[in-house]
C-alpha atoms as a PDB file:
ATOM      1  CA  MET A   1      11.698  22.923  -3.961  1.00  0.00           C
ATOM      2  CA  ASP A   2       9.759  26.157  -3.666  1.00  0.00           C
ATOM      3  CA  ILE A   3       7.258  27.129  -0.999  1.00  0.00           C
ATOM      4  CA  ASP A   4       4.215  26.786  -3.294  1.00  0.00           C
ATOM      5  CA  THR A   5       5.135  23.200  -4.165  1.00  0.00           C
ATOM      6  CA  ILE A   6       5.642  22.274  -0.521  1.00  0.00           C
ATOM      7  CA  GLU A   7       2.344  23.879   0.490  1.00  0.00           C
ATOM      8  CA  SER A   8       0.536  22.093  -2.339  1.00  0.00           C
ATOM      9  CA  GLU A   9       2.008  18.721  -1.332  1.00  0.00           C
ATOM     10  CA  ASP A  10       1.161  19.328   2.329  1.00  0.00           C
ATOM     11  CA  ARG A  11      -2.398  20.255   1.373  1.00  0.00           C
ATOM     12  CA  SER A  12      -2.769  17.088  -0.686  1.00  0.00           C
ATOM     13  CA  HIS A  13      -1.430  14.898   2.117  1.00  0.00           C
ATOM     14  CA  GLU A  14      -3.727  16.592   4.609  1.00  0.00           C
ATOM     15  CA  LEU A  15      -6.751  16.092   2.348  1.00  0.00           C
ATOM     16  CA  MET A  16      -5.962  12.394   1.869  1.00  0.00           C
ATOM     17  CA  ALA A  17      -5.555  11.972   5.626  1.00  0.00           C
ATOM     18  CA  LEU A  18      -8.882  13.723   6.160  1.00  0.00           C
ATOM     19  CA  ALA A  19     -10.556  11.509   3.539  1.00  0.00           C
ATOM     20  CA  ARG A  20      -9.258   8.390   5.298  1.00  0.00           C
ATOM     21  CA  LEU A  21     -10.492   9.685   8.649  1.00  0.00           C
ATOM     22  CA  VAL A  22     -13.954  10.468   7.289  1.00  0.00           C
ATOM     23  CA  ALA A  23     -14.101   7.093   5.515  1.00  0.00           C
ATOM     24  CA  PHE A  24     -13.280   5.330   8.777  1.00  0.00           C
ATOM     25  CA  ALA A  25     -15.995   7.283  10.580  1.00  0.00           C
ATOM     26  CA  LEU A  26     -18.423   6.476   7.767  1.00  0.00           C
ATOM     27  CA  GLU A  27     -17.778   2.748   8.086  1.00  0.00           C
ATOM     28  CA  SER A  28     -18.248   3.017  11.863  1.00  0.00           C
ATOM     29  CA  ALA A  29     -21.552   4.839  11.379  1.00  0.00           C
ATOM     30  CA  LYS A  30     -22.677   2.075   9.012  1.00  0.00           C
ATOM     31  CA  SER A  31     -21.903  -0.635  11.538  1.00  0.00           C
ATOM     32  CA  LEU A  32     -23.836   1.296  14.199  1.00  0.00           C
ATOM     33  CA  ASN A  33     -26.833   1.840  11.911  1.00  0.00           C
ATOM     34  CA  ALA A  34     -26.502   5.588  12.469  1.00  0.00           C
ATOM     35  CA  GLU A  35     -28.274   6.582   9.261  1.00  0.00           C
ATOM     36  CA  VAL A  36     -28.143  10.368   9.663  1.00  0.00           C
ATOM     37  CA  ALA A  37     -24.452  10.328  10.584  1.00  0.00           C
ATOM     38  CA  GLU A  38     -23.807   7.928   7.698  1.00  0.00           C
ATOM     39  CA  PHE A  39     -25.526  10.265   5.253  1.00  0.00           C
ATOM     40  CA  CYS A  40     -23.607  13.323   6.472  1.00  0.00           C
ATOM     41  CA  LEU A  41     -20.262  11.511   6.503  1.00  0.00           C
ATOM     42  CA  ASP A  42     -20.855  10.251   2.971  1.00  0.00           C
ATOM     43  CA  LYS A  43     -21.432  13.833   1.817  1.00  0.00           C
ATOM     44  CA  ALA A  44     -18.331  14.982   3.710  1.00  0.00           C
ATOM     45  CA  LEU A  45     -16.198  12.246   2.153  1.00  0.00           C
ATOM     46  CA  HIS A  46     -17.243  13.197  -1.361  1.00  0.00           C
ATOM     47  CA  ALA A  47     -16.603  16.876  -0.623  1.00  0.00           C
ATOM     48  CA  VAL A  48     -13.077  16.131   0.612  1.00  0.00           C
ATOM     49  CA  LEU A  49     -12.307  13.849  -2.320  1.00  0.00           C
ATOM     50  CA  ASP A  50     -13.461  16.556  -4.749  1.00  0.00           C
ATOM     51  CA  GLN A  51     -10.827  18.877  -3.267  1.00  0.00           C
ATOM     52  CA  ILE A  52      -7.892  16.590  -4.121  1.00  0.00           C
ATOM     53  CA  ASP A  53      -6.004  17.947  -7.119  1.00  0.00           C
ATOM     54  CA  GLU A  54      -5.121  15.917 -10.200  1.00  0.00           C
ATOM     55  CA  PRO A  55      -1.336  15.599  -9.594  1.00  0.00           C
ATOM     56  CA  SER A  56      -2.036  14.182  -6.126  1.00  0.00           C
ATOM     57  CA  ARG A  57      -4.321  11.532  -7.558  1.00  0.00           C
ATOM     58  CA  VAL A  58      -1.238   9.879  -9.087  1.00  0.00           C
ATOM     59  CA  THR A  59      -0.060   9.004  -5.574  1.00  0.00           C
ATOM     60  CA  LEU A  60      -3.309   7.334  -4.539  1.00  0.00           C
ATOM     61  CA  THR A  61      -3.108   3.869  -3.040  1.00  0.00           C
ATOM     62  CA  SER A  62      -5.559   1.082  -3.829  1.00  0.00           C
ATOM     63  CA  SER A  63      -7.390   1.859  -0.576  1.00  0.00           C
ATOM     64  CA  ASP A  64      -7.668   5.496  -1.602  1.00  0.00           C
ATOM     65  CA  ILE A  65      -9.111   4.480  -4.957  1.00  0.00           C
ATOM     66  CA  MET A  66     -11.659   2.280  -3.202  1.00  0.00           C
ATOM     67  CA  LEU A  67     -12.711   5.342  -1.182  1.00  0.00           C
ATOM     68  CA  MET A  68     -13.206   7.367  -4.324  1.00  0.00           C
ATOM     69  CA  ASN A  69     -15.228   4.663  -6.058  1.00  0.00           C
ATOM     70  CA  ARG A  70     -17.722   4.217  -3.222  1.00  0.00           C
ATOM     71  CA  SER A  71     -21.278   4.433  -4.368  1.00  0.00           C
ATOM     72  CA  PRO A  72     -23.077   7.435  -2.888  1.00  0.00           C
ATOM     73  CA  LEU A  73     -25.940   6.920  -0.466  1.00  0.00           C
ATOM     74  CA  CYS A  74     -28.269   9.300  -2.248  1.00  0.00           C
END
């Protein structure tokens, strides 16, 4: 396996981990009725998900797919 492939896989794993983290924070903001934080976290989640490359999308779990299909707040 070459360095570029390893770096690409690491990047994809890191982005998915970040998306899960932001999604968790978003759900917490919702439960706290923190509307401004909820809005910003929703934008952040969509920005992170947009950065995930196509080959990595093949490895998405059902939870990951649920994250990506969330309806936007705005």
